[in-house]
Amino acid sequence: MTKLTAAFALIAMTTLGACSTLTAEERSVATGATIGAVAGAALAGDNTQGRGAVVGATIGALAGSAAANR
């Protein structure tokens, strides 16, 4: 895990912890996007200029939304 990925993960988890007024669906989407972004960044590596994080966040947000709507 690179330093940038670790820093992003720390910031994202801190931000999610501060969102106590979110609905259950919003929380699921935000959590999915965060996990997806970190996983996408880690899998894509440093040479993709953040594209892996963006794709991972999008997929994670969609998965979080689908999970919340079950």
C-alpha atoms as a PDB file:
ATOM      1  CA  MET A   1       0.000   0.000   0.000  1.00  0.00           C
ATOM      2  CA  THR A   2       1.443   3.318  -0.996  1.00  0.00           C
ATOM      3  CA  LYS A   3       1.591   6.346   1.252  1.00  0.00           C
ATOM      4  CA  LEU A   4      -1.011   8.110  -0.880  1.00  0.00           C
ATOM      5  CA  THR A   5      -3.436   5.194  -0.620  1.00  0.00           C
ATOM      6  CA  ALA A   6      -2.942   4.983   3.142  1.00  0.00           C
ATOM      7  CA  ALA A   7      -3.492   8.727   3.511  1.00  0.00           C
ATOM      8  CA  PHE A   8      -6.631   8.579   1.382  1.00  0.00           C
ATOM      9  CA  ALA A   9      -7.979   5.684   3.441  1.00  0.00           C
ATOM     10  CA  LEU A  10      -7.359   7.553   6.691  1.00  0.00           C
ATOM     11  CA  ILE A  11      -9.038  10.715   5.439  1.00  0.00           C
ATOM     12  CA  ALA A  12     -11.991   8.798   4.024  1.00  0.00           C
ATOM     13  CA  MET A  13     -12.625   6.828   7.207  1.00  0.00           C
ATOM     14  CA  THR A  14     -12.366   9.978   9.333  1.00  0.00           C
ATOM     15  CA  THR A  15     -14.840  11.733   7.064  1.00  0.00           C
ATOM     16  CA  LEU A  16     -17.280   8.834   7.217  1.00  0.00           C
ATOM     17  CA  GLY A  17     -17.105   8.817  11.000  1.00  0.00           C
ATOM     18  CA  ALA A  18     -18.187  12.453  11.082  1.00  0.00           C
ATOM     19  CA  CYS A  19     -21.364  11.866   9.053  1.00  0.00           C
ATOM     20  CA  SER A  20     -23.829  10.962  11.778  1.00  0.00           C
ATOM     21  CA  THR A  21     -26.773  12.675  10.076  1.00  0.00           C
ATOM     22  CA  LEU A  22     -26.730  10.459   6.986  1.00  0.00           C
ATOM     23  CA  THR A  23     -29.589   8.113   6.212  1.00  0.00           C
ATOM     24  CA  ALA A  24     -28.876   4.396   6.019  1.00  0.00           C
ATOM     25  CA  GLU A  25     -28.792   4.507   2.211  1.00  0.00           C
ATOM     26  CA  GLU A  26     -26.452   7.505   2.128  1.00  0.00           C
ATOM     27  CA  ARG A  27     -24.158   5.803   4.628  1.00  0.00           C
ATOM     28  CA  SER A  28     -24.105   2.615   2.517  1.00  0.00           C
ATOM     29  CA  VAL A  29     -23.280   4.573  -0.638  1.00  0.00           C
ATOM     30  CA  ALA A  30     -20.518   6.544   1.099  1.00  0.00           C
ATOM     31  CA  THR A  31     -19.033   3.433   2.657  1.00  0.00           C
ATOM     32  CA  GLY A  32     -19.131   1.554  -0.641  1.00  0.00           C
ATOM     33  CA  ALA A  33     -17.513   4.460  -2.453  1.00  0.00           C
ATOM     34  CA  THR A  34     -14.770   4.731   0.150  1.00  0.00           C
ATOM     35  CA  ILE A  35     -13.944   1.035   0.135  1.00  0.00           C
ATOM     36  CA  GLY A  36     -14.113   0.946  -3.653  1.00  0.00           C
ATOM     37  CA  ALA A  37     -11.835   3.953  -4.040  1.00  0.00           C
ATOM     38  CA  VAL A  38      -9.198   2.537  -1.729  1.00  0.00           C
ATOM     39  CA  ALA A  39      -9.358  -0.885  -3.398  1.00  0.00           C
ATOM     40  CA  GLY A  40      -9.280   0.644  -6.878  1.00  0.00           C
ATOM     41  CA  ALA A  41      -6.295   2.810  -6.037  1.00  0.00           C
ATOM     42  CA  ALA A  42      -4.442  -0.114  -4.500  1.00  0.00           C
ATOM     43  CA  LEU A  43      -5.141  -2.442  -7.429  1.00  0.00           C
ATOM     44  CA  ALA A  44      -4.426   0.101 -10.165  1.00  0.00           C
ATOM     45  CA  GLY A  45      -1.147   1.323  -8.731  1.00  0.00           C
ATOM     46  CA  ASP A  46       0.471   4.735  -8.811  1.00  0.00           C
ATOM     47  CA  ASN A  47       0.835   5.213 -12.554  1.00  0.00           C
ATOM     48  CA  THR A  48      -2.882   5.576 -13.384  1.00  0.00           C
ATOM     49  CA  GLN A  49      -3.242   9.134 -12.044  1.00  0.00           C
ATOM     50  CA  GLY A  50      -6.200   8.254  -9.815  1.00  0.00           C
ATOM     51  CA  ARG A  51      -8.324   6.501 -12.436  1.00  0.00           C
ATOM     52  CA  GLY A  52      -8.418   3.298 -10.403  1.00  0.00           C
ATOM     53  CA  ALA A  53      -9.755   5.173  -7.392  1.00  0.00           C
ATOM     54  CA  VAL A  54     -12.467   6.865  -9.457  1.00  0.00           C
ATOM     55  CA  VAL A  55     -13.601   3.602 -11.055  1.00  0.00           C
ATOM     56  CA  GLY A  56     -13.490   1.823  -7.692  1.00  0.00           C
ATOM     57  CA  ALA A  57     -15.477   4.591  -6.014  1.00  0.00           C
ATOM     58  CA  THR A  58     -18.141   4.453  -8.703  1.00  0.00           C
ATOM     59  CA  ILE A  59     -18.516   0.692  -8.495  1.00  0.00           C
ATOM     60  CA  GLY A  60     -18.464   0.806  -4.694  1.00  0.00           C
ATOM     61  CA  ALA A  61     -21.136   3.507  -4.567  1.00  0.00           C
ATOM     62  CA  LEU A  62     -23.387   1.511  -6.878  1.00  0.00           C
ATOM     63  CA  ALA A  63     -22.871  -1.617  -4.782  1.00  0.00           C
ATOM     64  CA  GLY A  64     -23.583   0.300  -1.584  1.00  0.00           C
ATOM     65  CA  SER A  65     -26.779   1.709  -3.065  1.00  0.00           C
ATOM     66  CA  ALA A  66     -27.916  -1.716  -4.222  1.00  0.00           C
ATOM     67  CA  ALA A  67     -27.198  -3.205  -0.806  1.00  0.00           C
ATOM     68  CA  ALA A  68     -29.158  -0.472   0.928  1.00  0.00           C
ATOM     69  CA  ASN A  69     -32.167  -0.957  -1.334  1.00  0.00           C
ATOM     70  CA  ARG A  70     -32.548  -4.680  -0.675  1.00  0.00           C
END
